[in-house]
N, C-alpha and C. Protein backbone atom coordinates (compact mmCIF):
# COMPACT_ATOMS: atom_id res chain seq x y z
N MET A 1 0.84 -1.17 0.00
CA MET A 1 0.00 0.00 0.00
C MET A 1 0.89 1.24 0.00
N LEU A 2 0.55 2.14 -0.85
CA LEU A 2 1.34 3.35 -0.98
C LEU A 2 0.88 4.43 -0.02
N TYR A 3 1.82 5.23 0.43
CA TYR A 3 1.53 6.36 1.31
C TYR A 3 0.50 7.30 0.66
N LYS A 4 0.64 7.50 -0.62
CA LYS A 4 -0.25 8.40 -1.35
C LYS A 4 -1.71 7.93 -1.25
N GLU A 5 -1.94 6.62 -1.40
CA GLU A 5 -3.29 6.05 -1.30
C GLU A 5 -3.88 6.25 0.10
N ILE A 6 -3.06 6.01 1.10
CA ILE A 6 -3.51 6.14 2.48
C ILE A 6 -3.83 7.60 2.79
N THR A 7 -2.97 8.50 2.33
CA THR A 7 -3.20 9.93 2.55
C THR A 7 -4.48 10.39 1.89
N GLU A 8 -4.72 9.96 0.68
CA GLU A 8 -5.95 10.33 -0.03
C GLU A 8 -7.18 9.77 0.69
N ALA A 9 -7.09 8.53 1.15
CA ALA A 9 -8.20 7.91 1.88
C ALA A 9 -8.48 8.67 3.18
N ARG A 10 -7.42 9.08 3.86
CA ARG A 10 -7.56 9.87 5.09
C ARG A 10 -8.30 11.17 4.83
N LYS A 11 -7.91 11.84 3.75
CA LYS A 11 -8.51 13.13 3.41
C LYS A 11 -9.99 12.97 3.04
N ILE A 12 -10.32 11.91 2.34
CA ILE A 12 -11.72 11.66 1.96
C ILE A 12 -12.59 11.54 3.21
N LEU A 13 -12.05 10.88 4.23
CA LEU A 13 -12.82 10.65 5.44
C LEU A 13 -12.62 11.76 6.48
N GLY A 14 -11.71 12.70 6.22
CA GLY A 14 -11.48 13.80 7.15
C GLY A 14 -10.73 13.36 8.40
N ILE A 15 -9.73 12.51 8.21
CA ILE A 15 -8.98 11.95 9.33
C ILE A 15 -7.58 12.58 9.38
N PRO A 16 -7.15 13.04 10.57
CA PRO A 16 -5.80 13.62 10.70
C PRO A 16 -4.72 12.54 10.56
N GLU A 17 -3.46 12.95 10.60
CA GLU A 17 -2.35 11.99 10.44
C GLU A 17 -2.28 10.97 11.56
N LYS A 18 -2.71 11.35 12.75
CA LYS A 18 -2.74 10.40 13.87
C LYS A 18 -4.18 10.25 14.32
N ALA A 19 -4.65 9.01 14.37
CA ALA A 19 -6.02 8.75 14.78
C ALA A 19 -6.15 7.33 15.31
N SER A 20 -7.07 7.15 16.23
CA SER A 20 -7.34 5.80 16.75
C SER A 20 -8.26 5.08 15.77
N ILE A 21 -8.30 3.78 15.88
CA ILE A 21 -9.19 3.00 15.03
C ILE A 21 -10.64 3.39 15.33
N LYS A 22 -10.93 3.65 16.58
CA LYS A 22 -12.28 4.08 16.98
C LYS A 22 -12.67 5.37 16.24
N PHE A 23 -11.74 6.32 16.16
CA PHE A 23 -12.01 7.59 15.48
C PHE A 23 -12.18 7.36 13.98
N ILE A 24 -11.36 6.50 13.40
CA ILE A 24 -11.46 6.20 11.97
C ILE A 24 -12.84 5.62 11.66
N ARG A 25 -13.28 4.68 12.47
CA ARG A 25 -14.62 4.08 12.28
C ARG A 25 -15.72 5.13 12.40
N LYS A 26 -15.57 6.00 13.40
CA LYS A 26 -16.57 7.04 13.62
C LYS A 26 -16.68 7.96 12.39
N LYS A 27 -15.54 8.41 11.89
CA LYS A 27 -15.53 9.31 10.73
C LYS A 27 -16.07 8.59 9.49
N TYR A 28 -15.72 7.34 9.31
CA TYR A 28 -16.21 6.55 8.19
C TYR A 28 -17.74 6.49 8.23
N ASN A 29 -18.27 6.14 9.39
CA ASN A 29 -19.73 6.03 9.53
C ASN A 29 -20.42 7.37 9.34
N GLU A 30 -19.83 8.44 9.85
CA GLU A 30 -20.41 9.78 9.68
C GLU A 30 -20.48 10.16 8.20
N GLU A 31 -19.38 9.95 7.49
CA GLU A 31 -19.34 10.30 6.07
C GLU A 31 -20.30 9.44 5.26
N LEU A 32 -20.37 8.16 5.59
CA LEU A 32 -21.26 7.25 4.87
C LEU A 32 -22.72 7.65 5.08
N LYS A 33 -23.08 7.99 6.30
CA LYS A 33 -24.45 8.43 6.57
C LYS A 33 -24.76 9.73 5.83
N LYS A 34 -23.79 10.62 5.82
CA LYS A 34 -23.97 11.92 5.16
C LYS A 34 -24.19 11.78 3.66
N TRP A 35 -23.46 10.88 3.02
CA TRP A 35 -23.49 10.78 1.56
C TRP A 35 -24.29 9.60 1.02
N HIS A 36 -24.86 8.77 1.88
CA HIS A 36 -25.61 7.62 1.40
C HIS A 36 -26.75 8.11 0.50
N PRO A 37 -26.91 7.49 -0.68
CA PRO A 37 -27.92 7.94 -1.65
C PRO A 37 -29.34 8.04 -1.09
N ASP A 38 -29.68 7.23 -0.10
CA ASP A 38 -31.03 7.28 0.47
C ASP A 38 -31.23 8.49 1.39
N LYS A 39 -30.14 9.10 1.86
CA LYS A 39 -30.26 10.21 2.81
C LYS A 39 -29.67 11.52 2.30
N CYS A 40 -28.92 11.45 1.24
CA CYS A 40 -28.22 12.61 0.70
C CYS A 40 -29.19 13.57 -0.02
N ASN A 41 -28.98 14.85 0.17
CA ASN A 41 -29.83 15.86 -0.46
C ASN A 41 -29.29 16.36 -1.80
N GLU A 42 -28.13 15.86 -2.19
CA GLU A 42 -27.51 16.27 -3.45
C GLU A 42 -28.07 15.41 -4.60
N ASN A 43 -27.54 15.64 -5.79
CA ASN A 43 -27.86 14.83 -6.96
C ASN A 43 -27.57 13.37 -6.64
N LYS A 44 -28.49 12.48 -6.96
CA LYS A 44 -28.36 11.06 -6.63
C LYS A 44 -27.06 10.44 -7.17
N GLN A 45 -26.66 10.81 -8.37
CA GLN A 45 -25.44 10.26 -8.97
C GLN A 45 -24.21 10.73 -8.19
N ILE A 46 -24.19 11.98 -7.78
CA ILE A 46 -23.07 12.49 -6.98
C ILE A 46 -23.00 11.75 -5.66
N CYS A 47 -24.15 11.54 -5.04
CA CYS A 47 -24.19 10.81 -3.77
C CYS A 47 -23.68 9.39 -3.91
N GLU A 48 -24.08 8.72 -4.99
CA GLU A 48 -23.62 7.35 -5.23
C GLU A 48 -22.11 7.30 -5.44
N GLU A 49 -21.57 8.24 -6.21
CA GLU A 49 -20.13 8.28 -6.45
C GLU A 49 -19.37 8.57 -5.16
N LYS A 50 -19.87 9.50 -4.38
CA LYS A 50 -19.23 9.85 -3.11
C LYS A 50 -19.27 8.66 -2.15
N THR A 51 -20.39 7.94 -2.12
CA THR A 51 -20.51 6.76 -1.26
C THR A 51 -19.48 5.70 -1.66
N LYS A 52 -19.32 5.46 -2.95
CA LYS A 52 -18.32 4.50 -3.43
C LYS A 52 -16.92 4.93 -3.03
N GLU A 53 -16.65 6.23 -3.13
CA GLU A 53 -15.35 6.79 -2.76
C GLU A 53 -15.08 6.58 -1.26
N ILE A 54 -16.09 6.80 -0.44
CA ILE A 54 -15.97 6.63 1.02
C ILE A 54 -15.72 5.16 1.36
N ILE A 55 -16.47 4.26 0.74
CA ILE A 55 -16.28 2.83 0.99
C ILE A 55 -14.87 2.39 0.60
N LYS A 56 -14.40 2.85 -0.55
CA LYS A 56 -13.04 2.50 -0.99
C LYS A 56 -12.01 3.04 0.00
N ALA A 57 -12.18 4.29 0.43
CA ALA A 57 -11.25 4.89 1.40
C ALA A 57 -11.25 4.09 2.70
N GLY A 58 -12.43 3.69 3.15
CA GLY A 58 -12.53 2.90 4.37
C GLY A 58 -11.81 1.57 4.24
N LYS A 59 -11.94 0.92 3.09
CA LYS A 59 -11.26 -0.36 2.87
C LYS A 59 -9.74 -0.19 2.88
N ILE A 60 -9.26 0.88 2.27
CA ILE A 60 -7.81 1.15 2.23
C ILE A 60 -7.27 1.32 3.64
N LEU A 61 -7.96 2.15 4.45
CA LEU A 61 -7.48 2.40 5.81
C LEU A 61 -7.62 1.16 6.68
N LEU A 62 -8.70 0.41 6.52
CA LEU A 62 -8.89 -0.81 7.29
C LEU A 62 -7.80 -1.84 6.96
N GLU A 63 -7.49 -1.97 5.68
CA GLU A 63 -6.42 -2.89 5.28
C GLU A 63 -5.10 -2.48 5.91
N PHE A 64 -4.80 -1.18 5.87
CA PHE A 64 -3.56 -0.69 6.48
C PHE A 64 -3.56 -0.98 7.98
N CYS A 65 -4.65 -0.67 8.67
CA CYS A 65 -4.72 -0.88 10.12
C CYS A 65 -4.62 -2.36 10.47
N ASN A 66 -5.23 -3.22 9.68
CA ASN A 66 -5.18 -4.66 9.96
C ASN A 66 -3.79 -5.24 9.77
N ASN A 67 -2.97 -4.61 8.95
CA ASN A 67 -1.63 -5.11 8.69
C ASN A 67 -0.55 -4.35 9.45
N TYR A 68 -0.95 -3.32 10.19
CA TYR A 68 0.00 -2.49 10.94
C TYR A 68 0.45 -3.23 12.19
N LEU A 69 1.73 -3.27 12.43
CA LEU A 69 2.25 -3.93 13.61
C LEU A 69 2.24 -2.94 14.77
N ILE A 70 1.49 -3.25 15.80
CA ILE A 70 1.37 -2.37 16.95
C ILE A 70 2.53 -2.63 17.90
N ASP A 71 3.16 -1.57 18.35
CA ASP A 71 4.31 -1.65 19.23
C ASP A 71 3.85 -1.69 20.69
N PHE A 72 4.02 -2.84 21.34
CA PHE A 72 3.64 -3.00 22.73
C PHE A 72 4.86 -2.94 23.65
N SER A 73 5.95 -2.37 23.15
CA SER A 73 7.15 -2.27 23.98
C SER A 73 6.90 -1.32 25.14
N GLU A 74 7.66 -1.48 26.20
CA GLU A 74 7.49 -0.63 27.39
C GLU A 74 7.65 0.85 27.04
N LYS A 75 8.63 1.15 26.21
CA LYS A 75 8.87 2.55 25.82
C LYS A 75 7.63 3.14 25.13
N GLU A 76 7.05 2.41 24.21
CA GLU A 76 5.89 2.90 23.48
C GLU A 76 4.67 3.02 24.39
N VAL A 77 4.41 2.00 25.18
CA VAL A 77 3.26 2.01 26.08
C VAL A 77 3.36 3.17 27.07
N ASN A 78 4.56 3.43 27.58
CA ASN A 78 4.75 4.50 28.57
C ASN A 78 4.49 5.89 28.00
N GLN A 79 4.47 6.04 26.70
CA GLN A 79 4.18 7.34 26.10
C GLN A 79 2.71 7.72 26.27
N TYR A 80 1.86 6.75 26.60
CA TYR A 80 0.43 6.99 26.65
C TYR A 80 -0.17 6.81 28.04
N ILE A 81 0.65 6.85 29.10
CA ILE A 81 0.10 6.71 30.44
C ILE A 81 -0.57 8.01 30.87
N SER A 82 -1.51 7.89 31.77
CA SER A 82 -2.24 9.07 32.24
C SER A 82 -1.36 9.90 33.17
N GLY A 83 -1.77 11.13 33.40
CA GLY A 83 -1.06 12.01 34.32
C GLY A 83 -1.05 11.43 35.72
N GLU A 84 -2.16 10.81 36.11
CA GLU A 84 -2.26 10.20 37.44
C GLU A 84 -1.26 9.05 37.59
N GLU A 85 -1.16 8.22 36.55
CA GLU A 85 -0.21 7.11 36.59
C GLU A 85 1.23 7.62 36.63
N LEU A 86 1.52 8.65 35.87
CA LEU A 86 2.86 9.25 35.87
C LEU A 86 3.19 9.77 37.27
N TRP A 87 2.24 10.44 37.91
CA TRP A 87 2.41 10.96 39.26
C TRP A 87 2.73 9.81 40.23
N LYS A 88 1.96 8.72 40.14
CA LYS A 88 2.17 7.57 41.01
C LYS A 88 3.56 6.98 40.81
N ARG A 89 4.01 6.92 39.58
CA ARG A 89 5.34 6.36 39.31
C ARG A 89 6.44 7.23 39.89
N LYS A 90 6.25 8.54 39.84
CA LYS A 90 7.27 9.46 40.37
C LYS A 90 7.25 9.53 41.88
N PHE A 91 6.05 9.56 42.49
CA PHE A 91 5.94 9.82 43.91
C PHE A 91 5.34 8.69 44.72
N GLY A 92 4.87 7.65 44.07
CA GLY A 92 4.31 6.51 44.77
C GLY A 92 2.94 6.79 45.35
N GLU A 93 2.55 5.96 46.30
CA GLU A 93 1.22 6.07 46.92
C GLU A 93 1.31 6.77 48.28
N ASP A 94 2.30 7.60 48.48
CA ASP A 94 2.50 8.29 49.75
C ASP A 94 1.25 9.07 50.15
N PRO A 95 0.75 8.88 51.39
CA PRO A 95 -0.46 9.59 51.83
C PRO A 95 -0.32 11.11 51.77
N LEU A 96 0.90 11.62 51.93
CA LEU A 96 1.12 13.05 51.85
C LEU A 96 0.63 13.59 50.49
N TRP A 97 1.00 12.91 49.41
CA TRP A 97 0.58 13.36 48.08
C TRP A 97 -0.91 13.16 47.88
N SER A 98 -1.43 12.08 48.44
CA SER A 98 -2.87 11.82 48.29
C SER A 98 -3.70 12.90 48.97
N SER A 99 -3.27 13.37 50.15
CA SER A 99 -4.05 14.39 50.86
C SER A 99 -4.01 15.73 50.12
N ILE A 100 -2.91 16.04 49.47
CA ILE A 100 -2.81 17.27 48.68
C ILE A 100 -3.74 17.18 47.50
N LYS A 101 -3.76 16.03 46.87
CA LYS A 101 -4.58 15.84 45.67
C LYS A 101 -6.07 15.96 45.99
N ASN A 102 -6.50 15.50 47.19
CA ASN A 102 -7.91 15.50 47.54
C ASN A 102 -8.42 16.85 48.04
N ASN A 103 -7.55 17.78 48.36
CA ASN A 103 -7.98 19.10 48.86
C ASN A 103 -8.40 20.02 47.77
């Protein structure tokens, strides 16, 4: 799969360079509902063409996501920890910090 194809598919669905699979699905469904020939207020032929374009874009991104190797290394996972978890790692479960947090 070429970068150009993926970029074009992203643009069709209105997806930024970084997105979760959940967000990709959401945008795909939103665009499909918007342009589906049964619900679209535009010319029926335009709606049908746009629907086909959206479906193709969705397939391209889904294929890429299904073949993408997800990095579960400690370094990668630690990039996405919450602020609370980061705080606990730095300062532990000390009651002093807990009482400050609850005030």
